[in-house]
C-alpha atoms as a PDB file:
ATOM      1  CA  MET A   1      22.143 -17.692  -0.346  1.00  0.00           C
ATOM      2  CA  ASN A   2      24.057 -14.627  -1.507  1.00  0.00           C
ATOM      3  CA  PRO A   3      21.695 -11.634  -1.212  1.00  0.00           C
ATOM      4  CA  LEU A   4      22.498 -10.693  -4.819  1.00  0.00           C
ATOM      5  CA  ASP A   5      21.146 -14.079  -5.918  1.00  0.00           C
ATOM      6  CA  TYR A   6      17.758 -13.441  -4.300  1.00  0.00           C
ATOM      7  CA  LYS A   7      14.958 -13.055  -6.866  1.00  0.00           C
ATOM      8  CA  SER A   8      11.439 -12.431  -5.641  1.00  0.00           C
ATOM      9  CA  LYS A   9       9.964 -13.972  -8.804  1.00  0.00           C
ATOM     10  CA  ASP A  10      11.251 -17.332  -7.573  1.00  0.00           C
ATOM     11  CA  TYR A  11       8.689 -17.068  -4.780  1.00  0.00           C
ATOM     12  CA  LEU A  12       5.855 -15.013  -6.303  1.00  0.00           C
ATOM     13  CA  PRO A  13       5.990 -15.312 -10.101  1.00  0.00           C
ATOM     14  CA  LEU A  14       3.702 -13.548 -12.558  1.00  0.00           C
ATOM     15  CA  ASN A  15       0.049 -14.681 -12.451  1.00  0.00           C
ATOM     16  CA  TYR A  16       0.546 -16.388  -9.089  1.00  0.00           C
ATOM     17  CA  TYR A  17      -2.968 -15.596  -7.853  1.00  0.00           C
ATOM     18  CA  PRO A  18      -6.393 -16.938  -8.924  1.00  0.00           C
ATOM     19  CA  TRP A  19      -7.662 -13.604 -10.258  1.00  0.00           C
ATOM     20  CA  PRO A  20      -7.329 -11.845 -13.646  1.00  0.00           C
ATOM     21  CA  ASN A  21      -4.156  -9.942 -14.517  1.00  0.00           C
ATOM     22  CA  LEU A  22      -5.349  -6.718 -16.169  1.00  0.00           C
ATOM     23  CA  MET A  23      -4.236  -3.172 -16.980  1.00  0.00           C
ATOM     24  CA  ASN A  24      -6.308   0.012 -16.919  1.00  0.00           C
ATOM     25  CA  PRO A  25      -6.642   1.408 -20.472  1.00  0.00           C
ATOM     26  CA  HIS A  26      -5.906   4.937 -19.183  1.00  0.00           C
ATOM     27  CA  VAL A  27      -2.427   3.972 -17.944  1.00  0.00           C
ATOM     28  CA  GLU A  28      -0.544   6.217 -20.398  1.00  0.00           C
ATOM     29  CA  GLN A  29      -2.460   9.364 -19.422  1.00  0.00           C
ATOM     30  CA  MET A  30      -2.188   8.401 -15.757  1.00  0.00           C
ATOM     31  CA  GLY A  31       1.595   8.357 -16.189  1.00  0.00           C
ATOM     32  CA  LYS A  32       1.609  11.792 -17.776  1.00  0.00           C
ATOM     33  CA  ASP A  33      -0.521  13.118 -14.922  1.00  0.00           C
ATOM     34  CA  MET A  34       1.769  11.687 -12.251  1.00  0.00           C
ATOM     35  CA  ASP A  35       4.945  12.981 -13.889  1.00  0.00           C
ATOM     36  CA  ALA A  36       3.387  16.463 -14.036  1.00  0.00           C
ATOM     37  CA  TRP A  37       2.479  16.315 -10.338  1.00  0.00           C
ATOM     38  CA  ILE A  38       6.029  15.291  -9.454  1.00  0.00           C
ATOM     39  CA  ASP A  39       7.548  18.072 -11.549  1.00  0.00           C
ATOM     40  CA  ASN A  40       5.146  20.896 -10.749  1.00  0.00           C
ATOM     41  CA  ASP A  41       3.648  20.182  -7.316  1.00  0.00           C
ATOM     42  CA  TYR A  42       6.140  18.083  -5.332  1.00  0.00           C
ATOM     43  CA  THR A  43       8.660  20.905  -5.160  1.00  0.00           C
ATOM     44  CA  PHE A  44       9.955  19.825  -1.740  1.00  0.00           C
ATOM     45  CA  LEU A  45      11.570  16.759  -3.332  1.00  0.00           C
ATOM     46  CA  THR A  46      15.167  16.905  -4.536  1.00  0.00           C
ATOM     47  CA  GLU A  47      15.842  16.512  -8.246  1.00  0.00           C
ATOM     48  CA  LEU A  48      17.205  12.998  -7.677  1.00  0.00           C
ATOM     49  CA  GLN A  49      14.081  12.023  -5.759  1.00  0.00           C
ATOM     50  CA  LYS A  50      11.875  13.337  -8.573  1.00  0.00           C
ATOM     51  CA  ILE A  51      13.774  11.272 -11.119  1.00  0.00           C
ATOM     52  CA  ARG A  52      13.466   8.170  -9.015  1.00  0.00           C
ATOM     53  CA  TYR A  53       9.748   8.611  -8.341  1.00  0.00           C
ATOM     54  CA  LYS A  54       9.153   8.901 -12.081  1.00  0.00           C
ATOM     55  CA  LYS A  55      11.105   5.699 -12.683  1.00  0.00           C
ATOM     56  CA  MET A  56       9.036   3.912 -10.063  1.00  0.00           C
ATOM     57  CA  ARG A  57       6.010   4.239 -12.412  1.00  0.00           C
ATOM     58  CA  LEU A  58       3.610   4.329  -9.481  1.00  0.00           C
ATOM     59  CA  HIS A  59       0.783   5.161 -11.890  1.00  0.00           C
ATOM     60  CA  ALA A  60       1.229   1.627 -13.281  1.00  0.00           C
ATOM     61  CA  CYS A  61       0.561   0.271  -9.792  1.00  0.00           C
ATOM     62  CA  THR A  62      -2.754   2.138  -9.805  1.00  0.00           C
ATOM     63  CA  ALA A  63      -3.503   0.844 -13.298  1.00  0.00           C
ATOM     64  CA  CYS A  64      -2.595  -2.775 -12.465  1.00  0.00           C
ATOM     65  CA  MET A  65      -4.530  -2.845  -9.208  1.00  0.00           C
ATOM     66  CA  TRP A  66      -7.712  -1.133 -10.421  1.00  0.00           C
ATOM     67  CA  PRO A  67      -8.034  -1.846 -14.148  1.00  0.00           C
ATOM     68  CA  HIS A  68     -11.762  -1.124 -14.363  1.00  0.00           C
ATOM     69  CA  LEU A  69     -11.720   2.479 -13.130  1.00  0.00           C
ATOM     70  CA  THR A  70     -12.848   5.172 -15.529  1.00  0.00           C
ATOM     71  CA  TYR A  71     -10.356   7.966 -16.056  1.00  0.00           C
ATOM     72  CA  GLU A  72     -12.369  10.268 -13.765  1.00  0.00           C
ATOM     73  CA  GLN A  73     -12.318   7.620 -11.040  1.00  0.00           C
ATOM     74  CA  ALA A  74      -8.638   6.838 -11.604  1.00  0.00           C
ATOM     75  CA  VAL A  75      -7.407  10.404 -11.076  1.00  0.00           C
ATOM     76  CA  PRO A  76      -7.879  10.619  -7.261  1.00  0.00           C
ATOM     77  CA  CYS A  77      -6.773   6.989  -6.834  1.00  0.00           C
ATOM     78  CA  ASN A  78      -3.620   7.727  -8.814  1.00  0.00           C
ATOM     79  CA  ARG A  79      -3.095  10.990  -6.964  1.00  0.00           C
ATOM     80  CA  PHE A  80      -3.392   9.159  -3.643  1.00  0.00           C
ATOM     81  CA  MET A  81      -0.941   6.473  -4.781  1.00  0.00           C
ATOM     82  CA  LEU A  82       1.762   9.115  -5.233  1.00  0.00           C
ATOM     83  CA  GLN A  83       0.818  11.091  -2.116  1.00  0.00           C
ATOM     84  CA  TYR A  84       0.788   8.075   0.182  1.00  0.00           C
ATOM     85  CA  VAL A  85       3.995   6.519  -1.147  1.00  0.00           C
ATOM     86  CA  VAL A  86       5.909   9.800  -0.896  1.00  0.00           C
ATOM     87  CA  LEU A  87       4.499  10.408   2.577  1.00  0.00           C
ATOM     88  CA  ASP A  88       5.599   6.975   3.781  1.00  0.00           C
ATOM     89  CA  ASP A  89       9.043   7.213   2.180  1.00  0.00           C
ATOM     90  CA  GLN A  90       9.884  10.702   3.350  1.00  0.00           C
ATOM     91  CA  VAL A  91       8.875  10.305   7.017  1.00  0.00           C
ATOM     92  CA  GLU A  92      11.419   7.499   7.423  1.00  0.00           C
ATOM     93  CA  ASP A  93      13.667   9.678   9.587  1.00  0.00           C
ATOM     94  CA  SER A  94      10.985  11.958  11.039  1.00  0.00           C
ATOM     95  CA  LEU A  95      10.362  12.441  14.743  1.00  0.00           C
ATOM     96  CA  PRO A  96       7.138  10.966  16.192  1.00  0.00           C
ATOM     97  CA  GLU A  97       5.630  14.410  16.720  1.00  0.00           C
ATOM     98  CA  GLU A  98       6.278  15.287  13.076  1.00  0.00           C
ATOM     99  CA  VAL A  99       4.448  12.183  11.869  1.00  0.00           C
ATOM    100  CA  GLU A 100       1.620  12.865  14.325  1.00  0.00           C
ATOM    101  CA  TYR A 101       1.244  16.385  12.960  1.00  0.00           C
ATOM    102  CA  LEU A 102       1.198  15.129   9.376  1.00  0.00           C
ATOM    103  CA  ARG A 103      -1.439  12.515  10.232  1.00  0.00           C
ATOM    104  CA  THR A 104      -3.612  15.007  12.111  1.00  0.00           C
ATOM    105  CA  ARG A 105      -3.330  17.713   9.458  1.00  0.00           C
ATOM    106  CA  CYS A 106      -3.962  15.402   6.494  1.00  0.00           C
ATOM    107  CA  THR A 107      -6.992  13.905   8.239  1.00  0.00           C
ATOM    108  CA  ALA A 108      -8.357  17.388   8.976  1.00  0.00           C
ATOM    109  CA  ILE A 109      -7.976  18.324   5.315  1.00  0.00           C
ATOM    110  CA  LEU A 110      -9.754  15.156   4.224  1.00  0.00           C
ATOM    111  CA  ARG A 111     -12.583  16.167   6.558  1.00  0.00           C
ATOM    112  CA  GLY A 112     -12.887  19.653   5.080  1.00  0.00           C
ATOM    113  CA  ASP A 113     -10.034  21.949   6.138  1.00  0.00           C
ATOM    114  CA  GLN A 114      -8.296  23.864   3.380  1.00  0.00           C
ATOM    115  CA  PRO A 115      -4.500  23.703   3.091  1.00  0.00           C
ATOM    116  CA  THR A 116      -2.637  26.980   3.330  1.00  0.00           C
ATOM    117  CA  SER A 117      -0.556  28.293   0.438  1.00  0.00           C
ATOM    118  CA  GLU A 118       2.604  27.505   2.418  1.00  0.00           C
ATOM    119  CA  GLU A 119       1.769  23.799   2.816  1.00  0.00           C
ATOM    120  CA  ASN A 120       3.430  21.423   0.378  1.00  0.00           C
ATOM    121  CA  ALA A 121       1.932  18.910  -2.056  1.00  0.00           C
ATOM    122  CA  LEU A 122       1.307  16.274   0.615  1.00  0.00           C
ATOM    123  CA  TYR A 123      -1.367  18.595   1.977  1.00  0.00           C
ATOM    124  CA  GLN A 124      -2.457  20.321  -1.245  1.00  0.00           C
ATOM    125  CA  HIS A 125      -3.145  16.991  -2.941  1.00  0.00           C
ATOM    126  CA  MET A 126      -5.121  15.729   0.035  1.00  0.00           C
ATOM    127  CA  ALA A 127      -7.661  18.483  -0.601  1.00  0.00           C
ATOM    128  CA  LEU A 128      -7.831  17.552  -4.290  1.00  0.00           C
ATOM    129  CA  ILE A 129      -8.246  13.861  -3.449  1.00  0.00           C
ATOM    130  CA  ARG A 130     -11.075  14.717  -1.050  1.00  0.00           C
ATOM    131  CA  ASP A 131     -12.941  16.845  -3.586  1.00  0.00           C
ATOM    132  CA  GLU A 132     -12.434  14.404  -6.450  1.00  0.00           C
ATOM    133  CA  PHE A 133     -13.740  11.447  -4.442  1.00  0.00           C
ATOM    134  CA  LYS A 134     -16.716  13.430  -3.170  1.00  0.00           C
ATOM    135  CA  ALA A 135     -17.688  14.174  -6.754  1.00  0.00           C
ATOM    136  CA  PHE A 136     -18.673  10.548  -7.405  1.00  0.00           C
ATOM    137  CA  MET A 137     -18.633   8.571  -4.137  1.00  0.00           C
ATOM    138  CA  PRO A 138     -21.191   8.645  -1.278  1.00  0.00           C
ATOM    139  CA  GLU A 139     -20.341  10.214   2.068  1.00  0.00           C
ATOM    140  CA  VAL A 140     -20.337   6.864   3.899  1.00  0.00           C
ATOM    141  CA  TRP A 141     -17.563   5.617   1.602  1.00  0.00           C
ATOM    142  CA  VAL A 142     -15.551   8.844   1.885  1.00  0.00           C
ATOM    143  CA  GLU A 143     -15.672   8.598   5.682  1.00  0.00           C
ATOM    144  CA  ARG A 144     -14.444   5.004   5.545  1.00  0.00           C
ATOM    145  CA  PHE A 145     -11.572   6.055   3.299  1.00  0.00           C
ATOM    146  CA  ILE A 146     -10.619   8.815   5.751  1.00  0.00           C
ATOM    147  CA  GLU A 147     -10.767   6.481   8.739  1.00  0.00           C
ATOM    148  CA  SER A 148      -8.630   3.917   6.901  1.00  0.00           C
ATOM    149  CA  PHE A 149      -6.033   6.584   6.159  1.00  0.00           C
ATOM    150  CA  TYR A 150      -5.985   7.676   9.797  1.00  0.00           C
ATOM    151  CA  ILE A 151      -5.556   4.220  11.318  1.00  0.00           C
ATOM    152  CA  THR A 152      -2.750   3.176   8.981  1.00  0.00           C
ATOM    153  CA  ILE A 153      -0.679   6.207   9.941  1.00  0.00           C
ATOM    154  CA  ARG A 154      -1.608   6.033  13.633  1.00  0.00           C
ATOM    155  CA  TYR A 155      -1.170   2.291  14.100  1.00  0.00           C
ATOM    156  CA  GLY A 156       1.194   1.608  11.220  1.00  0.00           C
ATOM    157  CA  ILE A 157       3.905   4.192  10.655  1.00  0.00           C
ATOM    158  CA  GLU A 158       3.759   5.588  14.189  1.00  0.00           C
ATOM    159  CA  LEU A 159       3.910   2.232  15.981  1.00  0.00           C
ATOM    160  CA  GLU A 160       6.931   1.158  13.928  1.00  0.00           C
ATOM    161  CA  HIS A 161       9.012   4.060  15.189  1.00  0.00           C
ATOM    162  CA  PRO A 162      10.200   2.731  18.602  1.00  0.00           C
ATOM    163  CA  TYR A 163      11.414  -0.497  17.003  1.00  0.00           C
ATOM    164  CA  LYS A 164      13.200   1.329  14.205  1.00  0.00           C
ATOM    165  CA  THR A 165      14.829   3.688  16.692  1.00  0.00           C
ATOM    166  CA  ALA A 166      16.050   0.754  18.775  1.00  0.00           C
ATOM    167  CA  ASN A 167      16.949  -1.203  15.611  1.00  0.00           C
ATOM    168  CA  ARG A 168      15.157  -4.138  17.200  1.00  0.00           C
ATOM    169  CA  PRO A 169      12.298  -6.014  15.530  1.00  0.00           C
ATOM    170  CA  PRO A 170       9.258  -7.097  17.538  1.00  0.00           C
ATOM    171  CA  SER A 171       8.471 -10.754  18.031  1.00  0.00           C
ATOM    172  CA  LEU A 172       6.903 -12.573  15.087  1.00  0.00           C
ATOM    173  CA  ALA A 173       3.519 -12.606  16.860  1.00  0.00           C
ATOM    174  CA  LEU A 174       3.531  -8.851  17.448  1.00  0.00           C
ATOM    175  CA  PHE A 175       5.048  -8.076  14.053  1.00  0.00           C
ATOM    176  CA  GLN A 176       2.167  -9.793  12.273  1.00  0.00           C
ATOM    177  CA  VAL A 177      -0.287  -7.528  14.086  1.00  0.00           C
ATOM    178  CA  LEU A 178       1.638  -4.311  13.439  1.00  0.00           C
ATOM    179  CA  ARG A 179       2.428  -5.168   9.808  1.00  0.00           C
ATOM    180  CA  GLU A 180      -1.270  -5.314   9.031  1.00  0.00           C
ATOM    181  CA  TYR A 181      -1.330  -1.545   9.541  1.00  0.00           C
ATOM    182  CA  SER A 182       2.184  -0.515   8.518  1.00  0.00           C
ATOM    183  CA  VAL A 183       1.751  -1.912   4.993  1.00  0.00           C
ATOM    184  CA  LEU A 184      -0.752   0.980   4.589  1.00  0.00           C
ATOM    185  CA  MET A 185      -3.242  -1.006   2.504  1.00  0.00           C
ATOM    186  CA  PHE A 186      -6.564  -0.342   4.243  1.00  0.00           C
ATOM    187  CA  PRO A 187      -7.351   2.845   2.280  1.00  0.00           C
ATOM    188  CA  TYR A 188      -6.484   1.179  -1.024  1.00  0.00           C
ATOM    189  CA  LEU A 189      -8.893  -1.703  -0.411  1.00  0.00           C
ATOM    190  CA  THR A 190     -11.801   0.740  -0.501  1.00  0.00           C
ATOM    191  CA  PHE A 191     -11.005   1.462  -4.169  1.00  0.00           C
ATOM    192  CA  GLY A 192     -12.471  -1.901  -5.232  1.00  0.00           C
ATOM    193  CA  GLU A 193     -15.884  -0.574  -4.239  1.00  0.00           C
ATOM    194  CA  ILE A 194     -15.440   2.255  -6.742  1.00  0.00           C
ATOM    195  CA  GLU A 195     -14.981  -0.331  -9.496  1.00  0.00           C
ATOM    196  CA  SER A 196     -17.923  -2.513  -8.469  1.00  0.00           C
ATOM    197  CA  GLY A 197     -20.264   0.330  -7.516  1.00  0.00           C
ATOM    198  CA  LEU A 198     -21.351  -1.807  -4.543  1.00  0.00           C
ATOM    199  CA  ILE A 199     -20.657  -0.148  -1.193  1.00  0.00           C
ATOM    200  CA  LEU A 200     -20.377  -2.468   1.798  1.00  0.00           C
ATOM    201  CA  PRO A 201     -22.801  -1.274   4.502  1.00  0.00           C
ATOM    202  CA  PRO A 202     -21.593  -0.984   8.110  1.00  0.00           C
ATOM    203  CA  HIS A 203     -23.337  -4.121   9.353  1.00  0.00           C
ATOM    204  CA  ILE A 204     -21.577  -6.197   6.671  1.00  0.00           C
ATOM    205  CA  LEU A 205     -18.188  -4.621   7.398  1.00  0.00           C
ATOM    206  CA  GLU A 206     -18.663  -5.486  11.069  1.00  0.00           C
ATOM    207  CA  HIS A 207     -19.416  -9.131  10.312  1.00  0.00           C
ATOM    208  CA  PRO A 208     -16.621 -11.322  11.750  1.00  0.00           C
ATOM    209  CA  VAL A 209     -16.141 -13.237   8.490  1.00  0.00           C
ATOM    210  CA  VAL A 210     -15.773 -10.043   6.460  1.00  0.00           C
ATOM    211  CA  LYS A 211     -13.431  -8.540   9.057  1.00  0.00           C
ATOM    212  CA  ARG A 212     -11.281 -11.659   8.921  1.00  0.00           C
ATOM    213  CA  MET A 213     -11.224 -11.641   5.110  1.00  0.00           C
ATOM    214  CA  ILE A 214     -10.135  -7.991   5.111  1.00  0.00           C
ATOM    215  CA  THR A 215      -7.356  -8.834   7.575  1.00  0.00           C
ATOM    216  CA  LEU A 216      -6.226 -11.659   5.295  1.00  0.00           C
ATOM    217  CA  LEU A 217      -6.287  -9.441   2.200  1.00  0.00           C
ATOM    218  CA  VAL A 218      -4.064  -6.911   3.934  1.00  0.00           C
ATOM    219  CA  ARG A 219      -1.720  -9.563   5.319  1.00  0.00           C
ATOM    220  CA  ILE A 220      -1.306 -11.202   1.906  1.00  0.00           C
ATOM    221  CA  ILE A 221      -0.275  -7.859   0.418  1.00  0.00           C
ATOM    222  CA  ALA A 222       2.054  -7.233   3.364  1.00  0.00           C
ATOM    223  CA  TRP A 223       3.855 -10.556   2.890  1.00  0.00           C
ATOM    224  CA  GLN A 224       3.927  -9.986  -0.861  1.00  0.00           C
ATOM    225  CA  ASN A 225       5.533  -6.593  -0.292  1.00  0.00           C
ATOM    226  CA  ASP A 226       8.084  -8.036   2.113  1.00  0.00           C
ATOM    227  CA  ILE A 227       9.122 -10.673  -0.431  1.00  0.00           C
ATOM    228  CA  HIS A 228       9.419  -8.230  -3.331  1.00  0.00           C
ATOM    229  CA  SER A 229      11.017  -5.360  -1.399  1.00  0.00           C
ATOM    230  CA  LEU A 230      13.729  -7.464   0.217  1.00  0.00           C
ATOM    231  CA  PRO A 231      16.494  -6.539  -2.302  1.00  0.00           C
ATOM    232  CA  LYS A 232      16.019  -2.843  -1.533  1.00  0.00           C
ATOM    233  CA  GLU A 233      15.850  -3.415   2.219  1.00  0.00           C
ATOM    234  CA  LEU A 234      18.957  -5.608   2.306  1.00  0.00           C
ATOM    235  CA  ALA A 235      20.851  -2.592   0.967  1.00  0.00           C
ATOM    236  CA  LYS A 236      19.692  -0.313   3.751  1.00  0.00           C
ATOM    237  CA  GLY A 237      21.031  -2.562   6.472  1.00  0.00           C
ATOM    238  CA  THR A 238      18.800  -1.071   9.171  1.00  0.00           C
ATOM    239  CA  GLU A 239      15.343  -2.150   7.969  1.00  0.00           C
ATOM    240  CA  ILE A 240      13.616  -4.397  10.489  1.00  0.00           C
ATOM    241  CA  PHE A 241       9.941  -4.332   9.434  1.00  0.00           C
ATOM    242  CA  ASN A 242      10.088  -7.183   6.953  1.00  0.00           C
ATOM    243  CA  LEU A 243       8.705 -10.655   7.618  1.00  0.00           C
ATOM    244  CA  ILE A 244      11.845 -12.322   6.277  1.00  0.00           C
ATOM    245  CA  PHE A 245      14.130 -10.390   8.631  1.00  0.00           C
ATOM    246  CA  VAL A 246      11.868 -11.118  11.602  1.00  0.00           C
ATOM    247  CA  LEU A 247      11.821 -14.834  10.771  1.00  0.00           C
ATOM    248  CA  GLN A 248      15.602 -14.874  10.395  1.00  0.00           C
ATOM    249  CA  GLN A 249      16.169 -13.304  13.781  1.00  0.00           C
ATOM    250  CA  GLU A 250      13.515 -15.132  15.784  1.00  0.00           C
ATOM    251  CA  ASN A 251      14.165 -18.603  14.400  1.00  0.00           C
ATOM    252  CA  GLN A 252      17.858 -18.311  13.456  1.00  0.00           C
ATOM    253  CA  LEU A 253      17.130 -19.042   9.786  1.00  0.00           C
ATOM    254  CA  SER A 254      19.202 -18.473   6.681  1.00  0.00           C
ATOM    255  CA  LEU A 255      17.942 -15.986   4.091  1.00  0.00           C
ATOM    256  CA  GLN A 256      16.758 -18.851   1.912  1.00  0.00           C
ATOM    257  CA  GLU A 257      14.994 -20.623   4.788  1.00  0.00           C
ATOM    258  CA  ALA A 258      13.309 -17.423   5.988  1.00  0.00           C
ATOM    259  CA  SER A 259      12.144 -16.583   2.460  1.00  0.00           C
ATOM    260  CA  ALA A 260      10.597 -20.034   2.090  1.00  0.00           C
ATOM    261  CA  GLU A 261       8.868 -19.670   5.459  1.00  0.00           C
ATOM    262  CA  ALA A 262       7.557 -16.219   4.497  1.00  0.00           C
ATOM    263  CA  LEU A 263       6.034 -17.726   1.361  1.00  0.00           C
ATOM    264  CA  ARG A 264       4.464 -20.505   3.454  1.00  0.00           C
ATOM    265  CA  ILE A 265       2.835 -17.906   5.744  1.00  0.00           C
ATOM    266  CA  HIS A 266       1.656 -15.958   2.676  1.00  0.00           C
ATOM    267  CA  ASN A 267       0.152 -19.075   1.096  1.00  0.00           C
ATOM    268  CA  LYS A 268      -1.575 -20.104   4.319  1.00  0.00           C
ATOM    269  CA  ASP A 269      -3.320 -16.718   4.501  1.00  0.00           C
ATOM    270  CA  LEU A 270      -4.291 -16.935   0.823  1.00  0.00           C
ATOM    271  CA  GLU A 271      -5.757 -20.411   1.334  1.00  0.00           C
ATOM    272  CA  GLU A 272      -7.740 -19.228   4.360  1.00  0.00           C
ATOM    273  CA  LEU A 273      -9.138 -16.244   2.450  1.00  0.00           C
ATOM    274  CA  LEU A 274     -10.335 -18.430  -0.425  1.00  0.00           C
ATOM    275  CA  ALA A 275     -11.758 -21.021   1.966  1.00  0.00           C
ATOM    276  CA  LEU A 276     -13.769 -18.430   3.894  1.00  0.00           C
ATOM    277  CA  GLN A 277     -15.148 -16.894   0.720  1.00  0.00           C
ATOM    278  CA  ASN A 278     -16.151 -20.288  -0.675  1.00  0.00           C
ATOM    279  CA  GLU A 279     -17.676 -21.681   2.530  1.00  0.00           C
ATOM    280  CA  TYR A 280     -19.531 -18.783   4.115  1.00  0.00           C
ATOM    281  CA  ARG A 281     -22.414 -17.749   1.861  1.00  0.00           C
ATOM    282  CA  GLU A 282     -24.793 -16.285   4.432  1.00  0.00           C
ATOM    283  CA  PHE A 283     -24.839 -12.591   3.500  1.00  0.00           C
ATOM    284  CA  GLY A 284     -28.277 -12.728   1.890  1.00  0.00           C
ATOM    285  CA  GLU A 285     -28.998  -9.743  -0.321  1.00  0.00           C
ATOM    286  CA  TYR A 286     -25.440  -8.474   0.278  1.00  0.00           C
ATOM    287  CA  GLN A 287     -23.715 -11.637  -0.937  1.00  0.00           C
ATOM    288  CA  GLU A 288     -22.929 -10.012  -4.278  1.00  0.00           C
ATOM    289  CA  HIS A 289     -21.437  -7.011  -2.495  1.00  0.00           C
ATOM    290  CA  VAL A 290     -19.064  -9.248  -0.533  1.00  0.00           C
ATOM    291  CA  ASP A 291     -18.183 -11.368  -3.564  1.00  0.00           C
ATOM    292  CA  GLN A 292     -17.413  -8.304  -5.636  1.00  0.00           C
ATOM    293  CA  PHE A 293     -15.328  -6.789  -2.844  1.00  0.00           C
ATOM    294  CA  ILE A 294     -13.164  -9.917  -2.673  1.00  0.00           C
ATOM    295  CA  TYR A 295     -13.004 -10.214  -6.473  1.00  0.00           C
ATOM    296  CA  TYR A 296     -11.812  -6.646  -7.042  1.00  0.00           C
ATOM    297  CA  SER A 297      -9.466  -6.838  -4.068  1.00  0.00           C
ATOM    298  CA  GLY A 298      -8.061 -10.040  -5.570  1.00  0.00           C
ATOM    299  CA  ILE A 299      -7.455  -8.291  -8.878  1.00  0.00           C
ATOM    300  CA  GLY A 300      -5.585  -5.683  -6.819  1.00  0.00           C
ATOM    301  CA  ILE A 301      -3.392  -8.380  -5.258  1.00  0.00           C
ATOM    302  CA  GLN A 302      -2.641  -9.866  -8.676  1.00  0.00           C
ATOM    303  CA  GLY A 303      -2.046  -6.392 -10.090  1.00  0.00           C
ATOM    304  CA  VAL A 304       0.435  -5.204  -7.490  1.00  0.00           C
ATOM    305  CA  ASN A 305       2.373  -8.458  -7.948  1.00  0.00           C
ATOM    306  CA  THR A 306       2.606  -7.654 -11.667  1.00  0.00           C
ATOM    307  CA  PHE A 307       3.727  -4.127 -10.799  1.00  0.00           C
ATOM    308  CA  TYR A 308       6.574  -5.437  -8.654  1.00  0.00           C
ATOM    309  CA  LEU A 309       7.740  -7.836 -11.351  1.00  0.00           C
ATOM    310  CA  GLN A 310       7.273  -5.841 -14.558  1.00  0.00           C
ATOM    311  CA  GLU A 311       6.593  -2.160 -14.023  1.00  0.00           C
ATOM    312  CA  THR A 312       8.884  -0.567 -11.436  1.00  0.00           C
ATOM    313  CA  GLU A 313      12.497   0.104 -10.466  1.00  0.00           C
ATOM    314  CA  ARG A 314      11.503   0.882  -6.879  1.00  0.00           C
ATOM    315  CA  TYR A 315      12.835  -2.360  -5.391  1.00  0.00           C
ATOM    316  CA  ARG A 316      16.072  -2.840  -7.320  1.00  0.00           C
ATOM    317  CA  HIS A 317      19.000  -4.587  -5.637  1.00  0.00           C
ATOM    318  CA  GLY A 318      21.158  -2.177  -3.709  1.00  0.00           C
ATOM    319  CA  GLY A 319      18.315   0.307  -3.215  1.00  0.00           C
ATOM    320  CA  ALA A 320      19.288   2.150  -6.404  1.00  0.00           C
ATOM    321  CA  GLY A 321      15.679   2.719  -7.407  1.00  0.00           C
ATOM    322  CA  PHE A 322      14.395   4.010  -4.067  1.00  0.00           C
ATOM    323  CA  ALA A 323      13.902   7.675  -3.193  1.00  0.00           C
ATOM    324  CA  TRP A 324      15.651   7.692   0.174  1.00  0.00           C
ATOM    325  CA  PRO A 325      14.967  10.761   2.370  1.00  0.00           C
ATOM    326  CA  GLU A 326      17.395  13.593   1.597  1.00  0.00           C
ATOM    327  CA  ALA A 327      17.854  17.222   2.464  1.00  0.00           C
ATOM    328  CA  ALA A 328      15.177  18.934   0.387  1.00  0.00           C
ATOM    329  CA  ASN A 329      15.780  21.806  -1.964  1.00  0.00           C
ATOM    330  CA  GLU A 330      12.560  23.521  -1.060  1.00  0.00           C
ATOM    331  CA  LYS A 331      10.080  23.242   1.786  1.00  0.00           C
END
């Protein structure tokens, strides 16, 4: 297969998943908000990066994934979508100690520290996100969100670095463990509890069936991302953290064969998730909580697939829609 002939919709078409495909009614205002943040707050980005982030329409990802949020609820979720994507993109070439500092400082701000006037929007918006979530979510949920943010940076972005430096992918077995964190989805999964209003208590979150279902949710989104982002990553030439690339190298597969195998792995995880949800019904008074968590997470999976296919230029062939790290105009 010629890389230019690769189309992710051939593997994951619109409405692929067994959940509703919806759009938040506040999507237009959410777009205006995000464009204003990019223009007025994210001053460390270059002008080209600002243009490209606007064309990515990341607010539509928020709107597709969480269509039932009120506007008040959507604001911090939308703000975090931009903050987290920019953070991940722009640390691509950062040293490990720089990423560690960013993780430590952002976590401290989420836990109550105030950013200084010299700190850029990645830190300023963390304080706003914290305060906006605390206005309508209980402390137990806020702490879970913070912990999810911490572990995805610590065990996702930071653990990728040695492999990226060596330009050598891990084995398929190890990659599947690391990718669960590097896809950065754990914090986003907590947003479904905002929609449902049903907060999973600790003893339910610790249940092995729930833990496995959360792992599967994250893995499904990771494989989905790897399939849809492949055109952008083929252009870079040095990307190694993609399931299709790992399968190609480990099993000596063609691009077409590796893509088909990636879809098979994706579908196997999806089937397991649905099977676990259907078979295990032993959560008693918290059964509705678990069902709603999976339902709203499923809408998120369907929604981000729609975003990839219909709403964004982020993953265009040749990497033309991606905001690659550049020398910034302003720190």
